């Protein structure tokens, strides 16, 4: 199972996200990196795989395209959510895999081709449609994406833990590559995801708090 470092960008810095309350995000000045400048941060952590959320572009107030491209050159694969509202919003660059979030992607997700779909959840339902995530996952099997990310926005940065039963339900509903982001507490949760058939986990807070070994992030897998 892949381990992917999450990195949120806001106003040119790596920020610590919590519960999706973006106005409160502040530079990540604690944890394993002494700096919050994105390229230096990426070099310091040294992840094999990276997930970048461009908070400014998702919010419609700015872009980090050149920073993202620079960070992507430092890793094996870089998954990027930049708030796509249509297929023309995909970001070109070596090693970049574009993500379309349900929060911004629009009502007709069949217009996109390639990349990953992110099921953005709040309160246990997909936003903005309010659909049950298992229902949306079954529908996503027919959409032209490589895979899907279940992103529980309300759980981001909280280390609230995950439910094995819920993970089993998610996995049984979707046939392609499936990642989870948000709420991972530590190694036990990662093994639960692996045991239930997930292909990857997107993590950050647990790494910085020391409940996931840095060596695992650098290897890009459970070791």
N, C-alpha and C. Protein backbone atom coordinates (compact mmCIF):
# COMPACT_ATOMS: atom_id res chain seq x y z
N UNK A 1 0.84 -1.19 0.00
CA UNK A 1 0.00 0.00 0.00
C UNK A 1 0.88 1.25 0.00
N UNK A 2 0.57 2.20 -0.88
CA UNK A 2 1.34 3.43 -0.99
C UNK A 2 1.06 4.36 0.19
N UNK A 3 2.10 5.05 0.63
CA UNK A 3 1.97 6.13 1.61
C UNK A 3 2.35 7.43 0.93
N UNK A 4 1.46 8.41 1.01
CA UNK A 4 1.58 9.65 0.25
C UNK A 4 1.55 10.82 1.24
N UNK A 5 2.55 11.68 1.16
CA UNK A 5 2.59 12.85 2.04
C UNK A 5 1.65 13.93 1.54
N UNK A 6 0.78 14.41 2.41
CA UNK A 6 -0.12 15.51 2.08
C UNK A 6 0.55 16.85 2.34
N UNK A 7 0.38 17.78 1.41
CA UNK A 7 0.93 19.11 1.56
C UNK A 7 -0.09 20.14 1.07
N UNK A 8 -0.58 20.96 1.98
CA UNK A 8 -1.51 22.04 1.63
C UNK A 8 -0.73 23.33 1.42
N UNK A 9 -1.01 24.02 0.32
CA UNK A 9 -0.33 25.27 0.01
C UNK A 9 -1.28 26.45 0.14
N UNK A 10 -0.82 27.47 0.86
CA UNK A 10 -1.60 28.70 1.02
C UNK A 10 -0.64 29.87 1.13
N UNK A 11 -0.83 30.87 0.27
CA UNK A 11 -0.02 32.09 0.29
C UNK A 11 1.47 31.78 0.25
N UNK A 12 1.84 30.78 -0.55
CA UNK A 12 3.24 30.46 -0.77
C UNK A 12 3.89 29.57 0.27
N UNK A 13 3.14 29.12 1.26
CA UNK A 13 3.69 28.31 2.33
C UNK A 13 2.96 26.98 2.47
N UNK A 14 3.66 26.01 3.05
CA UNK A 14 3.01 24.78 3.49
C UNK A 14 2.26 25.11 4.77
N UNK A 15 0.98 24.77 4.80
CA UNK A 15 0.17 25.08 5.98
C UNK A 15 -0.38 23.79 6.59
N UNK A 16 -0.74 23.89 7.86
CA UNK A 16 -1.36 22.74 8.52
C UNK A 16 -2.87 22.90 8.45
N UNK A 17 -3.52 21.96 7.78
CA UNK A 17 -4.96 21.99 7.64
C UNK A 17 -5.64 21.23 8.75
N UNK A 18 -6.79 21.72 9.18
CA UNK A 18 -7.57 21.04 10.21
C UNK A 18 -9.05 21.23 9.95
N UNK A 19 -9.77 20.13 9.79
CA UNK A 19 -11.23 20.10 9.66
C UNK A 19 -11.75 20.90 8.46
N UNK A 20 -10.90 21.22 7.51
CA UNK A 20 -11.34 21.96 6.35
C UNK A 20 -11.66 23.41 6.60
N UNK A 21 -11.27 23.94 7.77
CA UNK A 21 -11.54 25.34 8.11
C UNK A 21 -10.39 26.18 7.56
N UNK A 22 -10.44 26.47 6.26
CA UNK A 22 -9.29 27.00 5.54
C UNK A 22 -8.84 28.37 6.00
N UNK A 23 -9.74 29.16 6.52
CA UNK A 23 -9.36 30.49 7.00
C UNK A 23 -8.41 30.42 8.19
N UNK A 24 -8.40 29.28 8.87
CA UNK A 24 -7.55 29.12 10.06
C UNK A 24 -6.21 28.47 9.76
N UNK A 25 -5.99 28.04 8.51
CA UNK A 25 -4.74 27.34 8.18
C UNK A 25 -3.56 28.30 8.33
N UNK A 26 -2.52 27.83 9.02
CA UNK A 26 -1.33 28.63 9.26
C UNK A 26 -0.09 27.85 8.82
N UNK A 27 1.03 28.55 8.54
CA UNK A 27 2.25 27.85 8.12
C UNK A 27 2.64 26.74 9.09
N UNK A 28 3.08 25.63 8.53
CA UNK A 28 3.45 24.46 9.32
C UNK A 28 4.86 24.68 9.87
N UNK A 29 4.92 25.31 11.04
CA UNK A 29 6.19 25.68 11.65
C UNK A 29 6.60 24.72 12.76
N UNK A 30 5.91 23.61 12.87
CA UNK A 30 6.28 22.57 13.83
C UNK A 30 6.38 21.25 13.06
N UNK A 31 6.86 20.23 13.68
CA UNK A 31 6.94 18.94 13.00
C UNK A 31 8.35 18.65 12.50
N UNK A 32 8.45 17.93 11.39
CA UNK A 32 9.73 17.41 10.93
C UNK A 32 10.54 18.35 10.07
N UNK A 33 9.93 19.44 9.61
CA UNK A 33 10.67 20.38 8.77
C UNK A 33 10.81 21.72 9.48
N UNK A 34 12.00 22.31 9.47
CA UNK A 34 12.18 23.61 10.11
C UNK A 34 11.66 24.77 9.28
N UNK A 35 11.27 24.49 8.04
CA UNK A 35 10.79 25.55 7.14
C UNK A 35 9.45 25.15 6.53
N UNK A 36 8.67 26.18 6.15
CA UNK A 36 7.38 25.95 5.49
C UNK A 36 7.41 26.36 4.03
N UNK A 37 8.60 26.69 3.51
CA UNK A 37 8.73 26.97 2.08
C UNK A 37 8.60 25.64 1.35
N UNK A 38 7.70 25.53 0.36
CA UNK A 38 7.32 24.21 -0.17
C UNK A 38 8.46 23.36 -0.74
N UNK A 39 9.35 23.94 -1.53
CA UNK A 39 10.42 23.15 -2.13
C UNK A 39 11.39 22.67 -1.06
N UNK A 40 11.79 23.56 -0.16
CA UNK A 40 12.69 23.17 0.93
C UNK A 40 12.02 22.15 1.84
N UNK A 41 10.75 22.33 2.08
CA UNK A 41 9.98 21.38 2.91
C UNK A 41 9.99 19.99 2.27
N UNK A 42 9.73 19.94 0.98
CA UNK A 42 9.71 18.65 0.28
C UNK A 42 11.08 17.99 0.31
N UNK A 43 12.13 18.77 0.11
CA UNK A 43 13.48 18.21 0.17
C UNK A 43 13.80 17.68 1.56
N UNK A 44 13.35 18.37 2.60
CA UNK A 44 13.63 17.96 3.97
C UNK A 44 12.93 16.65 4.32
N UNK A 45 11.65 16.56 3.98
CA UNK A 45 10.89 15.35 4.30
C UNK A 45 11.31 14.19 3.39
N UNK A 46 11.50 14.48 2.11
CA UNK A 46 11.94 13.46 1.16
C UNK A 46 10.94 12.37 0.87
N UNK A 47 9.65 12.71 0.64
CA UNK A 47 8.65 11.67 0.36
C UNK A 47 8.86 11.05 -1.01
N UNK A 48 8.42 9.81 -1.14
CA UNK A 48 8.42 9.18 -2.47
C UNK A 48 7.23 9.66 -3.29
N UNK A 49 6.09 9.82 -2.60
CA UNK A 49 4.86 10.27 -3.25
C UNK A 49 4.33 11.49 -2.51
N UNK A 50 3.73 12.42 -3.26
CA UNK A 50 3.26 13.67 -2.70
C UNK A 50 1.85 13.97 -3.18
N UNK A 51 1.04 14.50 -2.28
CA UNK A 51 -0.31 14.99 -2.61
C UNK A 51 -0.32 16.47 -2.26
N UNK A 52 -0.63 17.31 -3.24
CA UNK A 52 -0.67 18.75 -3.01
C UNK A 52 -2.09 19.27 -3.21
N UNK A 53 -2.58 20.01 -2.23
CA UNK A 53 -3.84 20.74 -2.37
C UNK A 53 -3.51 22.22 -2.43
N UNK A 54 -3.82 22.86 -3.55
CA UNK A 54 -3.60 24.29 -3.70
C UNK A 54 -4.82 25.01 -3.12
N UNK A 55 -4.72 25.34 -1.83
CA UNK A 55 -5.85 25.92 -1.12
C UNK A 55 -6.27 27.24 -1.74
N UNK A 56 -5.31 28.04 -2.16
CA UNK A 56 -5.65 29.34 -2.77
C UNK A 56 -6.46 29.16 -4.05
N UNK A 57 -6.03 28.23 -4.90
CA UNK A 57 -6.76 28.06 -6.16
C UNK A 57 -8.12 27.41 -5.92
N UNK A 58 -8.18 26.46 -4.99
CA UNK A 58 -9.47 25.87 -4.65
C UNK A 58 -10.43 26.95 -4.16
N UNK A 59 -9.90 27.94 -3.44
CA UNK A 59 -10.71 29.03 -2.90
C UNK A 59 -10.91 30.16 -3.89
N UNK A 60 -10.22 30.09 -5.06
CA UNK A 60 -10.39 31.09 -6.10
C UNK A 60 -9.65 32.39 -5.85
N UNK A 61 -8.51 32.32 -5.10
CA UNK A 61 -7.82 33.57 -4.75
C UNK A 61 -6.35 33.57 -5.15
N UNK A 62 -5.86 32.56 -5.86
CA UNK A 62 -4.45 32.54 -6.24
C UNK A 62 -4.05 31.19 -6.79
N UNK A 63 -2.77 31.09 -7.20
CA UNK A 63 -2.27 29.83 -7.76
C UNK A 63 -0.85 29.57 -7.26
N UNK A 64 -0.47 28.27 -7.28
CA UNK A 64 0.88 27.86 -6.91
C UNK A 64 1.49 26.95 -7.99
N UNK A 65 1.15 27.19 -9.25
CA UNK A 65 1.50 26.24 -10.31
C UNK A 65 2.99 25.98 -10.41
N UNK A 66 3.81 27.02 -10.39
CA UNK A 66 5.26 26.82 -10.56
C UNK A 66 5.86 26.13 -9.34
N UNK A 67 5.37 26.46 -8.16
CA UNK A 67 5.82 25.76 -6.95
C UNK A 67 5.47 24.29 -7.04
N UNK A 68 4.26 23.99 -7.49
CA UNK A 68 3.82 22.60 -7.61
C UNK A 68 4.71 21.85 -8.59
N UNK A 69 4.99 22.46 -9.74
CA UNK A 69 5.85 21.80 -10.73
C UNK A 69 7.25 21.54 -10.16
N UNK A 70 7.77 22.48 -9.39
CA UNK A 70 9.09 22.30 -8.79
C UNK A 70 9.07 21.15 -7.78
N UNK A 71 8.05 21.09 -6.96
CA UNK A 71 7.94 20.00 -5.98
C UNK A 71 7.77 18.65 -6.67
N UNK A 72 7.05 18.64 -7.77
CA UNK A 72 6.78 17.38 -8.48
C UNK A 72 8.05 16.76 -9.01
N UNK A 73 9.06 17.58 -9.32
CA UNK A 73 10.32 17.04 -9.83
C UNK A 73 11.11 16.31 -8.75
N UNK A 74 10.73 16.48 -7.49
CA UNK A 74 11.47 15.91 -6.37
C UNK A 74 10.92 14.57 -5.90
N UNK A 75 9.80 14.14 -6.48
CA UNK A 75 9.14 12.92 -6.00
C UNK A 75 8.83 11.99 -7.17
N UNK A 76 8.44 10.76 -6.84
CA UNK A 76 8.11 9.80 -7.88
C UNK A 76 6.78 10.07 -8.55
N UNK A 77 5.83 10.57 -7.79
CA UNK A 77 4.50 10.89 -8.34
C UNK A 77 3.89 11.97 -7.47
N UNK A 78 3.28 12.96 -8.11
CA UNK A 78 2.71 14.09 -7.39
C UNK A 78 1.23 14.24 -7.77
N UNK A 79 0.35 13.97 -6.83
CA UNK A 79 -1.09 14.10 -7.02
C UNK A 79 -1.48 15.54 -6.66
N UNK A 80 -2.23 16.20 -7.55
CA UNK A 80 -2.49 17.63 -7.38
C UNK A 80 -3.98 17.93 -7.48
N UNK A 81 -4.51 18.52 -6.41
CA UNK A 81 -5.87 19.06 -6.42
C UNK A 81 -5.75 20.58 -6.43
N UNK A 82 -6.10 21.17 -7.56
CA UNK A 82 -6.02 22.63 -7.70
C UNK A 82 -7.41 23.21 -7.98
N UNK A 83 -8.43 22.51 -7.51
CA UNK A 83 -9.78 23.04 -7.64
C UNK A 83 -10.30 23.06 -9.05
N UNK A 84 -10.07 21.98 -9.81
CA UNK A 84 -10.53 21.92 -11.20
C UNK A 84 -12.04 22.14 -11.30
N UNK A 85 -12.42 23.02 -12.23
CA UNK A 85 -13.84 23.23 -12.52
C UNK A 85 -14.21 22.73 -13.91
N UNK A 86 -13.19 22.29 -14.67
CA UNK A 86 -13.40 21.74 -16.00
C UNK A 86 -12.12 21.08 -16.46
N UNK A 87 -12.17 20.29 -17.54
CA UNK A 87 -10.99 19.57 -18.03
C UNK A 87 -9.82 20.47 -18.38
N UNK A 88 -10.07 21.71 -18.78
CA UNK A 88 -8.98 22.62 -19.14
C UNK A 88 -8.16 23.06 -17.94
N UNK A 89 -8.62 22.76 -16.75
CA UNK A 89 -7.91 23.16 -15.54
C UNK A 89 -6.81 22.18 -15.14
N UNK A 90 -6.68 21.07 -15.85
CA UNK A 90 -5.60 20.12 -15.53
C UNK A 90 -4.24 20.82 -15.67
N UNK A 91 -3.34 20.53 -14.73
CA UNK A 91 -2.01 21.12 -14.74
C UNK A 91 -1.02 20.16 -15.40
N UNK A 92 -0.33 20.64 -16.43
CA UNK A 92 0.66 19.82 -17.13
C UNK A 92 1.98 19.87 -16.39
N UNK A 93 2.68 18.74 -16.38
CA UNK A 93 3.99 18.70 -15.75
C UNK A 93 4.43 17.27 -15.51
N UNK A 94 5.74 17.05 -15.54
CA UNK A 94 6.28 15.71 -15.34
C UNK A 94 5.91 15.19 -13.96
N UNK A 95 5.37 13.96 -13.93
CA UNK A 95 5.05 13.31 -12.66
C UNK A 95 3.79 13.77 -12.00
N UNK A 96 3.05 14.70 -12.63
CA UNK A 96 1.84 15.24 -12.01
C UNK A 96 0.63 14.41 -12.40
N UNK A 97 -0.16 14.02 -11.39
CA UNK A 97 -1.44 13.34 -11.59
C UNK A 97 -2.52 14.29 -11.08
N UNK A 98 -3.38 14.75 -11.98
CA UNK A 98 -4.41 15.71 -11.60
C UNK A 98 -5.55 15.03 -10.85
N UNK A 99 -6.10 15.78 -9.90
CA UNK A 99 -7.23 15.32 -9.09
C UNK A 99 -8.40 16.26 -9.34
N UNK A 100 -9.57 15.67 -9.54
CA UNK A 100 -10.81 16.43 -9.66
C UNK A 100 -11.63 16.18 -8.41
N UNK A 101 -11.84 17.22 -7.63
CA UNK A 101 -12.63 17.09 -6.41
C UNK A 101 -14.10 17.33 -6.67
N UNK A 102 -14.94 16.57 -6.00
CA UNK A 102 -16.38 16.78 -6.17
C UNK A 102 -16.79 18.17 -5.68
N UNK A 103 -16.01 18.76 -4.78
CA UNK A 103 -16.32 20.09 -4.26
C UNK A 103 -16.38 21.12 -5.38
N UNK A 104 -15.48 20.99 -6.37
CA UNK A 104 -15.36 22.02 -7.41
C UNK A 104 -15.60 21.50 -8.82
N UNK A 105 -15.61 20.18 -9.02
CA UNK A 105 -15.57 19.58 -10.36
C UNK A 105 -16.80 19.76 -11.21
N UNK A 106 -17.93 20.15 -10.62
CA UNK A 106 -19.14 20.34 -11.39
C UNK A 106 -20.02 19.11 -11.43
N UNK A 107 -21.22 19.24 -11.99
CA UNK A 107 -22.19 18.14 -11.95
C UNK A 107 -21.91 17.00 -12.91
N UNK A 108 -21.15 17.25 -13.99
CA UNK A 108 -20.92 16.21 -14.99
C UNK A 108 -19.45 15.79 -14.97
N UNK A 109 -19.13 14.83 -14.12
CA UNK A 109 -17.74 14.38 -13.97
C UNK A 109 -17.28 13.51 -15.13
N UNK A 110 -18.19 13.11 -16.00
CA UNK A 110 -17.80 12.32 -17.17
C UNK A 110 -17.05 13.16 -18.20
N UNK A 111 -17.02 14.48 -18.03
CA UNK A 111 -16.31 15.35 -18.95
C UNK A 111 -14.80 15.22 -18.81
N UNK A 112 -14.35 14.73 -17.67
CA UNK A 112 -12.92 14.62 -17.40
C UNK A 112 -12.40 13.28 -17.91
N UNK A 113 -11.08 13.23 -18.15
CA UNK A 113 -10.45 11.98 -18.57
C UNK A 113 -9.09 11.87 -17.91
N UNK A 114 -8.85 10.75 -17.24
CA UNK A 114 -7.59 10.54 -16.57
C UNK A 114 -7.55 11.20 -15.21
N UNK A 115 -6.43 10.99 -14.51
CA UNK A 115 -6.31 11.54 -13.17
C UNK A 115 -7.15 10.78 -12.17
N UNK A 116 -7.32 11.39 -11.01
CA UNK A 116 -8.08 10.78 -9.91
C UNK A 116 -9.29 11.64 -9.58
N UNK A 117 -10.34 10.98 -9.12
CA UNK A 117 -11.50 11.66 -8.57
C UNK A 117 -11.37 11.70 -7.06
N UNK A 118 -11.62 12.86 -6.47
CA UNK A 118 -11.63 12.98 -5.01
C UNK A 118 -13.07 13.13 -4.54
N UNK A 119 -13.53 12.16 -3.76
CA UNK A 119 -14.83 12.27 -3.11
C UNK A 119 -14.65 13.10 -1.84
N UNK A 120 -15.03 14.36 -1.90
CA UNK A 120 -14.84 15.27 -0.78
C UNK A 120 -16.04 15.14 0.16
N UNK A 121 -15.76 14.71 1.39
CA UNK A 121 -16.83 14.42 2.34
C UNK A 121 -16.87 15.46 3.46
N UNK A 122 -18.09 15.80 3.85
CA UNK A 122 -18.35 16.55 5.07
C UNK A 122 -19.57 15.94 5.73
N UNK A 123 -19.45 15.69 7.01
CA UNK A 123 -20.59 15.12 7.72
C UNK A 123 -21.02 13.77 7.19
N UNK A 124 -20.07 13.05 6.59
CA UNK A 124 -20.36 11.71 6.11
C UNK A 124 -20.98 11.62 4.74
N UNK A 125 -21.17 12.78 4.06
CA UNK A 125 -21.76 12.75 2.72
C UNK A 125 -20.85 13.49 1.75
N UNK A 126 -21.01 13.19 0.46
CA UNK A 126 -20.22 13.83 -0.59
C UNK A 126 -20.73 15.25 -0.82
N UNK A 127 -19.79 16.21 -0.86
CA UNK A 127 -20.20 17.58 -1.18
C UNK A 127 -19.88 17.88 -2.64
N UNK A 128 -20.73 18.72 -3.29
CA UNK A 128 -21.90 19.41 -2.76
C UNK A 128 -23.21 18.64 -2.94
N UNK A 129 -23.15 17.44 -3.50
CA UNK A 129 -24.38 16.73 -3.88
C UNK A 129 -25.15 16.17 -2.70
N UNK A 130 -24.44 15.88 -1.59
CA UNK A 130 -25.09 15.25 -0.45
C UNK A 130 -25.29 13.76 -0.61
N UNK A 131 -24.65 13.16 -1.64
CA UNK A 131 -24.82 11.73 -1.88
C UNK A 131 -24.11 10.90 -0.83
N UNK A 132 -24.63 9.70 -0.60
CA UNK A 132 -23.95 8.71 0.20
C UNK A 132 -22.65 8.32 -0.50
N UNK A 133 -21.51 8.25 0.22
CA UNK A 133 -20.24 7.97 -0.47
C UNK A 133 -20.19 6.62 -1.16
N UNK A 134 -20.85 5.58 -0.59
CA UNK A 134 -20.85 4.28 -1.25
C UNK A 134 -21.61 4.35 -2.57
N UNK A 135 -22.70 5.09 -2.61
CA UNK A 135 -23.44 5.28 -3.85
C UNK A 135 -22.58 5.99 -4.89
N UNK A 136 -21.87 7.02 -4.45
CA UNK A 136 -21.02 7.78 -5.37
C UNK A 136 -19.85 6.93 -5.86
N UNK A 137 -19.30 6.08 -5.00
CA UNK A 137 -18.21 5.20 -5.42
C UNK A 137 -18.68 4.22 -6.49
N UNK A 138 -19.87 3.68 -6.31
CA UNK A 138 -20.39 2.75 -7.33
C UNK A 138 -20.58 3.47 -8.66
N UNK A 139 -21.07 4.70 -8.61
CA UNK A 139 -21.22 5.48 -9.85
C UNK A 139 -19.85 5.79 -10.46
N UNK A 140 -18.85 6.02 -9.61
CA UNK A 140 -17.51 6.39 -10.09
C UNK A 140 -16.82 5.26 -10.84
N UNK A 141 -17.25 4.03 -10.64
CA UNK A 141 -16.68 2.92 -11.40
C UNK A 141 -16.82 3.13 -12.90
N UNK A 142 -17.83 3.88 -13.32
CA UNK A 142 -18.09 4.09 -14.74
C UNK A 142 -17.46 5.38 -15.27
N UNK A 143 -16.82 6.15 -14.39
CA UNK A 143 -16.22 7.41 -14.80
C UNK A 143 -14.78 7.20 -15.26
N UNK A 144 -14.27 8.05 -16.17
CA UNK A 144 -12.96 7.81 -16.79
C UNK A 144 -11.78 8.30 -15.96
N UNK A 145 -11.72 7.89 -14.69
CA UNK A 145 -10.59 8.23 -13.82
C UNK A 145 -9.75 6.99 -13.55
N UNK A 146 -8.45 7.20 -13.25
CA UNK A 146 -7.57 6.10 -12.88
C UNK A 146 -7.97 5.48 -11.56
N UNK A 147 -8.42 6.32 -10.65
CA UNK A 147 -8.75 5.86 -9.31
C UNK A 147 -9.49 6.94 -8.56
N UNK A 148 -9.67 6.70 -7.27
CA UNK A 148 -10.49 7.59 -6.46
C UNK A 148 -9.84 7.79 -5.09
N UNK A 149 -9.99 9.00 -4.57
CA UNK A 149 -9.55 9.34 -3.22
C UNK A 149 -10.79 9.66 -2.40
N UNK A 150 -10.91 9.02 -1.25
CA UNK A 150 -11.95 9.40 -0.30
C UNK A 150 -11.31 10.39 0.66
N UNK A 151 -11.70 11.66 0.57
CA UNK A 151 -11.10 12.71 1.38
C UNK A 151 -12.15 13.24 2.37
N UNK A 152 -11.99 12.85 3.62
CA UNK A 152 -12.89 13.32 4.66
C UNK A 152 -12.37 14.66 5.15
N UNK A 153 -12.88 15.74 4.58
CA UNK A 153 -12.37 17.08 4.86
C UNK A 153 -12.50 17.41 6.34
N UNK A 154 -13.59 17.01 6.96
CA UNK A 154 -13.79 17.30 8.37
C UNK A 154 -12.84 16.56 9.29
N UNK A 155 -12.21 15.49 8.78
CA UNK A 155 -11.28 14.71 9.60
C UNK A 155 -9.83 15.10 9.38
N UNK A 156 -9.56 15.93 8.36
CA UNK A 156 -8.18 16.32 8.05
C UNK A 156 -7.54 16.99 9.26
N UNK A 157 -6.34 16.53 9.60
CA UNK A 157 -5.59 17.13 10.69
C UNK A 157 -6.04 16.78 12.08
N UNK A 158 -7.02 15.89 12.22
CA UNK A 158 -7.60 15.61 13.53
C UNK A 158 -7.09 14.33 14.17
N UNK A 159 -6.52 13.41 13.36
CA UNK A 159 -6.11 12.09 13.86
C UNK A 159 -7.25 11.39 14.61
N UNK A 160 -8.45 11.51 14.07
CA UNK A 160 -9.63 10.97 14.75
C UNK A 160 -9.77 9.47 14.59
N UNK A 161 -9.00 8.87 13.70
CA UNK A 161 -9.08 7.43 13.48
C UNK A 161 -10.10 7.06 12.43
N UNK A 162 -10.07 5.79 12.03
CA UNK A 162 -10.96 5.32 10.98
C UNK A 162 -11.72 4.09 11.44
N UNK A 163 -12.81 3.81 10.76
CA UNK A 163 -13.66 2.66 11.06
C UNK A 163 -13.39 1.54 10.07
N UNK A 164 -13.02 0.36 10.57
CA UNK A 164 -12.79 -0.77 9.67
C UNK A 164 -14.06 -1.09 8.88
N UNK A 165 -15.19 -1.09 9.53
CA UNK A 165 -16.44 -1.41 8.84
C UNK A 165 -16.70 -0.45 7.69
N UNK A 166 -16.48 0.84 7.95
CA UNK A 166 -16.71 1.83 6.89
C UNK A 166 -15.71 1.65 5.75
N UNK A 167 -14.47 1.35 6.09
CA UNK A 167 -13.47 1.15 5.04
C UNK A 167 -13.83 -0.06 4.18
N UNK A 168 -14.32 -1.11 4.79
CA UNK A 168 -14.74 -2.29 4.04
C UNK A 168 -15.88 -1.95 3.09
N UNK A 169 -16.80 -1.10 3.54
CA UNK A 169 -17.93 -0.70 2.70
C UNK A 169 -17.44 0.13 1.51
N UNK A 170 -16.52 1.04 1.77
CA UNK A 170 -15.96 1.85 0.69
C UNK A 170 -15.26 0.96 -0.34
N UNK A 171 -14.41 0.07 0.15
CA UNK A 171 -13.63 -0.77 -0.76
C UNK A 171 -14.52 -1.68 -1.60
N UNK A 172 -15.57 -2.21 -1.02
CA UNK A 172 -16.44 -3.11 -1.76
C UNK A 172 -17.25 -2.38 -2.83
N UNK A 173 -17.37 -1.06 -2.71
CA UNK A 173 -18.17 -0.28 -3.66
C UNK A 173 -17.38 0.18 -4.87
N UNK A 174 -16.04 0.08 -4.82
CA UNK A 174 -15.22 0.66 -5.88
C UNK A 174 -14.21 -0.34 -6.39
N UNK A 175 -14.08 -0.44 -7.71
CA UNK A 175 -13.28 -1.50 -8.33
C UNK A 175 -11.85 -1.08 -8.69
N UNK A 176 -11.59 0.22 -8.76
CA UNK A 176 -10.27 0.69 -9.20
C UNK A 176 -9.40 1.06 -8.00
N UNK A 177 -8.28 1.74 -8.28
CA UNK A 177 -7.36 2.17 -7.24
C UNK A 177 -8.07 3.11 -6.27
N UNK A 178 -7.88 2.87 -4.97
CA UNK A 178 -8.61 3.63 -3.95
C UNK A 178 -7.67 4.08 -2.84
N UNK A 179 -7.66 5.40 -2.57
CA UNK A 179 -6.87 5.99 -1.50
C UNK A 179 -7.81 6.60 -0.46
N UNK A 180 -7.28 6.77 0.76
CA UNK A 180 -8.01 7.49 1.81
C UNK A 180 -7.15 8.64 2.32
N UNK A 181 -7.79 9.79 2.53
CA UNK A 181 -7.12 10.92 3.17
C UNK A 181 -8.00 11.48 4.26
N UNK A 182 -7.38 11.83 5.39
CA UNK A 182 -8.11 12.46 6.49
C UNK A 182 -8.38 11.51 7.64
N UNK A 183 -7.86 11.86 8.82
CA UNK A 183 -8.20 11.15 10.04
C UNK A 183 -7.29 10.02 10.45
N UNK A 184 -6.29 9.68 9.62
CA UNK A 184 -5.40 8.57 9.98
C UNK A 184 -4.65 8.91 11.26
N UNK A 185 -4.76 8.01 12.24
CA UNK A 185 -4.17 8.26 13.56
C UNK A 185 -2.74 7.75 13.67
N UNK A 186 -2.46 6.63 12.99
CA UNK A 186 -1.13 6.06 13.12
C UNK A 186 -1.03 4.73 12.42
N UNK A 187 -0.08 3.91 12.87
CA UNK A 187 0.22 2.67 12.17
C UNK A 187 -0.96 1.70 12.15
N UNK A 188 -1.71 1.60 13.24
CA UNK A 188 -2.85 0.67 13.27
C UNK A 188 -3.86 1.00 12.17
N UNK A 189 -4.13 2.29 11.98
CA UNK A 189 -5.06 2.69 10.93
C UNK A 189 -4.52 2.34 9.55
N UNK A 190 -3.22 2.49 9.36
CA UNK A 190 -2.63 2.14 8.07
C UNK A 190 -2.76 0.65 7.80
N UNK A 191 -2.54 -0.17 8.81
CA UNK A 191 -2.70 -1.61 8.62
C UNK A 191 -4.16 -1.98 8.37
N UNK A 192 -5.09 -1.25 8.99
CA UNK A 192 -6.50 -1.47 8.71
C UNK A 192 -6.81 -1.18 7.25
N UNK A 193 -6.29 -0.09 6.74
CA UNK A 193 -6.51 0.25 5.33
C UNK A 193 -5.92 -0.81 4.41
N UNK A 194 -4.72 -1.25 4.74
CA UNK A 194 -4.10 -2.29 3.93
C UNK A 194 -4.92 -3.58 3.97
N UNK A 195 -5.34 -3.97 5.17
CA UNK A 195 -6.09 -5.22 5.33
C UNK A 195 -7.44 -5.18 4.61
N UNK A 196 -8.03 -4.00 4.51
CA UNK A 196 -9.34 -3.88 3.85
C UNK A 196 -9.21 -3.64 2.35
N UNK A 197 -7.98 -3.61 1.84
CA UNK A 197 -7.78 -3.56 0.40
C UNK A 197 -7.54 -2.21 -0.21
N UNK A 198 -7.30 -1.18 0.62
CA UNK A 198 -6.98 0.14 0.06
C UNK A 198 -5.61 0.10 -0.59
N UNK A 199 -5.44 0.95 -1.60
CA UNK A 199 -4.19 1.00 -2.35
C UNK A 199 -3.25 2.09 -1.86
N UNK A 200 -3.75 3.02 -1.05
CA UNK A 200 -2.89 4.09 -0.57
C UNK A 200 -3.56 4.90 0.53
N UNK A 201 -2.71 5.60 1.31
CA UNK A 201 -3.17 6.51 2.35
C UNK A 201 -2.43 7.82 2.23
N UNK A 202 -3.16 8.92 2.37
CA UNK A 202 -2.59 10.27 2.31
C UNK A 202 -2.52 10.79 3.73
N UNK A 203 -1.31 11.12 4.18
CA UNK A 203 -1.10 11.44 5.60
C UNK A 203 -0.20 12.66 5.74
N UNK A 204 -0.31 13.33 6.88
CA UNK A 204 0.60 14.42 7.22
C UNK A 204 0.71 14.57 8.73
N UNK A 205 -0.39 14.89 9.41
CA UNK A 205 -0.34 15.20 10.83
C UNK A 205 0.26 14.05 11.63
N UNK A 206 -0.15 12.82 11.34
CA UNK A 206 0.37 11.67 12.09
C UNK A 206 1.87 11.53 11.89
N UNK A 207 2.36 11.87 10.70
CA UNK A 207 3.80 11.84 10.46
C UNK A 207 4.52 12.86 11.35
N UNK A 208 4.02 14.09 11.35
CA UNK A 208 4.68 15.15 12.11
C UNK A 208 4.58 14.92 13.62
N UNK A 209 3.57 14.20 14.06
CA UNK A 209 3.44 13.91 15.49
C UNK A 209 4.17 12.62 15.88
N UNK A 210 4.77 11.95 14.92
CA UNK A 210 5.62 10.82 15.21
C UNK A 210 4.94 9.48 15.32
N UNK A 211 3.66 9.37 14.92
CA UNK A 211 2.97 8.09 15.01
C UNK A 211 3.09 7.27 13.73
N UNK A 212 3.67 7.87 12.69
CA UNK A 212 4.04 7.16 11.46
C UNK A 212 5.52 7.43 11.22
N UNK A 213 6.33 6.41 11.00
CA UNK A 213 7.77 6.63 10.80
C UNK A 213 8.07 7.40 9.52
N UNK A 214 9.03 8.31 9.62
CA UNK A 214 9.46 9.06 8.45
C UNK A 214 9.98 8.12 7.36
N UNK A 215 10.63 7.03 7.76
CA UNK A 215 11.19 6.09 6.78
C UNK A 215 10.11 5.51 5.88
N UNK A 216 8.90 5.34 6.41
CA UNK A 216 7.80 4.81 5.60
C UNK A 216 7.41 5.80 4.51
N UNK A 217 7.38 7.08 4.84
CA UNK A 217 7.04 8.12 3.86
C UNK A 217 8.12 8.18 2.79
N UNK A 218 9.36 8.03 3.19
CA UNK A 218 10.44 8.09 2.21
C UNK A 218 10.45 6.85 1.32
N UNK A 219 10.05 5.72 1.85
CA UNK A 219 9.92 4.50 1.03
C UNK A 219 8.63 4.52 0.21
N UNK A 220 7.63 5.27 0.69
CA UNK A 220 6.35 5.34 0.00
C UNK A 220 5.47 4.14 0.23
N UNK A 221 5.73 3.40 1.32
CA UNK A 221 4.93 2.22 1.61
C UNK A 221 5.11 1.81 3.07
N UNK A 222 4.23 0.93 3.54
CA UNK A 222 4.40 0.34 4.86
C UNK A 222 5.64 -0.55 4.85
N UNK A 223 6.48 -0.41 5.87
CA UNK A 223 7.73 -1.16 5.90
C UNK A 223 7.72 -2.18 7.07
